[in-house]
């Protein structure tokens, strides 16, 4: 992936493109793997992605490799979900889209800086 996109600490990244073409899924996979492999912390602003709870369920599915929602394969257990939620809480901060009326790049950078400062504290 380094040939197409290189991940750098502290980099501000905006992902745009055609709706429903996998941007969110790609970025969620990237974020979970970077957090898992390198302990990275992520601030997530996804105004179209639904509730934070829905996003947390998606991240839990990626982290555990087990589905959250009903279906034909074995679901994650309540214990697994609790462990995943604790891990997600340690690595992800969700910026509330409803509190941001027409957010600007500047306001999102301010949120990112506050999240970075919080993440660097012991």
Protein backbone atom coordinates (compact mmCIF):
# COMPACT_ATOMS: atom_id res chain seq x y z
CA UNK A 1 0.00 0.00 0.00
CA UNK A 2 2.97 2.37 0.54
CA UNK A 3 3.23 2.94 -3.23
CA UNK A 4 -0.31 4.34 -3.39
CA UNK A 5 -0.67 5.83 0.07
CA UNK A 6 1.79 6.31 2.89
CA UNK A 7 0.50 6.72 6.44
CA UNK A 8 2.40 9.32 8.47
CA UNK A 9 1.92 10.14 12.17
CA UNK A 10 -0.03 13.36 12.76
CA UNK A 11 -1.10 13.62 9.13
CA UNK A 12 -4.53 15.20 8.47
CA UNK A 13 -6.29 13.03 5.87
CA UNK A 14 -9.57 13.67 4.10
CA UNK A 15 -11.01 10.77 2.10
CA UNK A 16 -13.47 11.73 -0.63
CA UNK A 17 -15.02 10.01 -3.61
CA UNK A 18 -18.13 8.56 -5.18
CA UNK A 19 -20.78 7.51 -2.61
CA UNK A 20 -21.01 3.81 -1.73
CA UNK A 21 -17.68 2.80 -3.23
CA UNK A 22 -15.93 1.54 -0.07
CA UNK A 23 -14.15 4.64 1.29
CA UNK A 24 -15.40 4.13 4.84
CA UNK A 25 -14.72 0.38 4.82
CA UNK A 26 -11.20 0.94 3.50
CA UNK A 27 -10.45 3.62 6.07
CA UNK A 28 -11.94 1.56 8.94
CA UNK A 29 -9.72 -1.38 7.97
CA UNK A 30 -6.68 0.89 7.76
CA UNK A 31 -7.42 2.52 11.13
CA UNK A 32 -7.98 -0.78 12.96
CA UNK A 33 -4.82 -2.34 11.54
CA UNK A 34 -2.66 0.74 12.32
CA UNK A 35 -4.07 0.85 15.84
CA UNK A 36 -3.52 -2.89 16.27
CA UNK A 37 0.01 -2.97 14.83
CA UNK A 38 1.35 0.39 16.01
CA UNK A 39 -0.96 1.57 18.81
CA UNK A 40 -2.19 4.54 16.78
CA UNK A 41 -5.07 6.66 18.05
CA UNK A 42 -7.75 7.91 15.65
CA UNK A 43 -10.20 10.81 15.65
CA UNK A 44 -13.17 9.92 13.43
CA UNK A 45 -15.53 12.44 11.83
CA UNK A 46 -18.05 10.65 9.63
CA UNK A 47 -21.23 12.72 9.21
CA UNK A 48 -22.77 10.20 6.80
CA UNK A 49 -21.71 7.07 8.67
CA UNK A 50 -24.64 6.89 11.08
CA UNK A 51 -24.33 6.79 14.84
CA UNK A 52 -21.10 6.29 16.76
CA UNK A 53 -22.64 3.06 18.10
CA UNK A 54 -23.03 1.72 14.54
CA UNK A 55 -19.44 2.68 13.76
CA UNK A 56 -18.20 1.01 16.96
CA UNK A 57 -20.00 -2.19 15.95
CA UNK A 58 -18.26 -2.08 12.57
CA UNK A 59 -14.84 -1.53 14.17
CA UNK A 60 -15.52 -4.37 16.61
CA UNK A 61 -16.31 -6.67 13.67
CA UNK A 62 -13.02 -5.77 12.00
CA UNK A 63 -10.98 -6.10 15.20
CA UNK A 64 -12.52 -9.41 16.26
CA UNK A 65 -13.06 -10.88 12.81
CA UNK A 66 -16.59 -11.88 13.84
CA UNK A 67 -19.96 -10.42 12.82
CA UNK A 68 -21.94 -8.19 15.18
CA UNK A 69 -25.36 -8.41 13.48
CA UNK A 70 -27.55 -11.49 13.07
CA UNK A 71 -26.68 -13.85 10.24
CA UNK A 72 -25.69 -17.41 9.32
CA UNK A 73 -22.21 -17.37 10.87
CA UNK A 74 -21.25 -17.35 14.54
CA UNK A 75 -21.66 -13.90 16.17
CA UNK A 76 -19.24 -12.27 18.57
CA UNK A 77 -20.06 -13.04 22.20
CA UNK A 78 -21.00 -10.40 24.79
CA UNK A 79 -17.59 -10.88 26.42
CA UNK A 80 -15.81 -10.41 23.09
CA UNK A 81 -17.86 -7.29 22.40
CA UNK A 82 -16.90 -5.86 25.80
CA UNK A 83 -13.21 -6.48 25.15
CA UNK A 84 -13.50 -4.96 21.66
CA UNK A 85 -15.32 -1.88 23.02
CA UNK A 86 -12.56 -1.32 25.59
CA UNK A 87 -9.93 -1.58 22.84
CA UNK A 88 -11.88 0.80 20.59
CA UNK A 89 -12.32 3.28 23.46
CA UNK A 90 -8.52 3.29 23.90
CA UNK A 91 -7.81 3.90 20.20
CA UNK A 92 -10.72 5.90 18.73
CA UNK A 93 -12.41 9.23 19.44
CA UNK A 94 -15.58 10.11 17.58
CA UNK A 95 -16.24 13.73 16.65
CA UNK A 96 -19.97 14.31 16.89
CA UNK A 97 -21.29 15.47 13.51
CA UNK A 98 -24.51 16.77 15.05
CA UNK A 99 -22.57 19.28 17.17
CA UNK A 100 -20.74 20.56 14.08
CA UNK A 101 -23.10 22.65 11.94
CA UNK A 102 -21.33 22.82 8.59
CA UNK A 103 -17.90 22.01 9.96
CA UNK A 104 -14.94 23.74 8.37
CA UNK A 105 -11.53 22.27 7.78
CA UNK A 106 -10.27 24.60 10.51
CA UNK A 107 -12.79 23.35 13.08
CA UNK A 108 -11.92 19.72 12.27
CA UNK A 109 -8.19 20.49 12.60
CA UNK A 110 -8.91 22.07 15.99
CA UNK A 111 -10.74 18.91 17.07
CA UNK A 112 -7.82 16.82 15.78
CA UNK A 113 -5.32 18.90 17.77
CA UNK A 114 -7.40 18.50 20.96
CA UNK A 115 -7.57 14.73 20.36
CA UNK A 116 -3.80 14.60 19.73
CA UNK A 117 -3.11 16.48 22.94
CA UNK A 118 -5.38 14.14 24.90
CA UNK A 119 -3.84 11.02 23.34
CA UNK A 120 -0.30 12.14 24.20
CA UNK A 121 -1.09 12.57 27.91
CA UNK A 122 -0.08 9.66 30.18
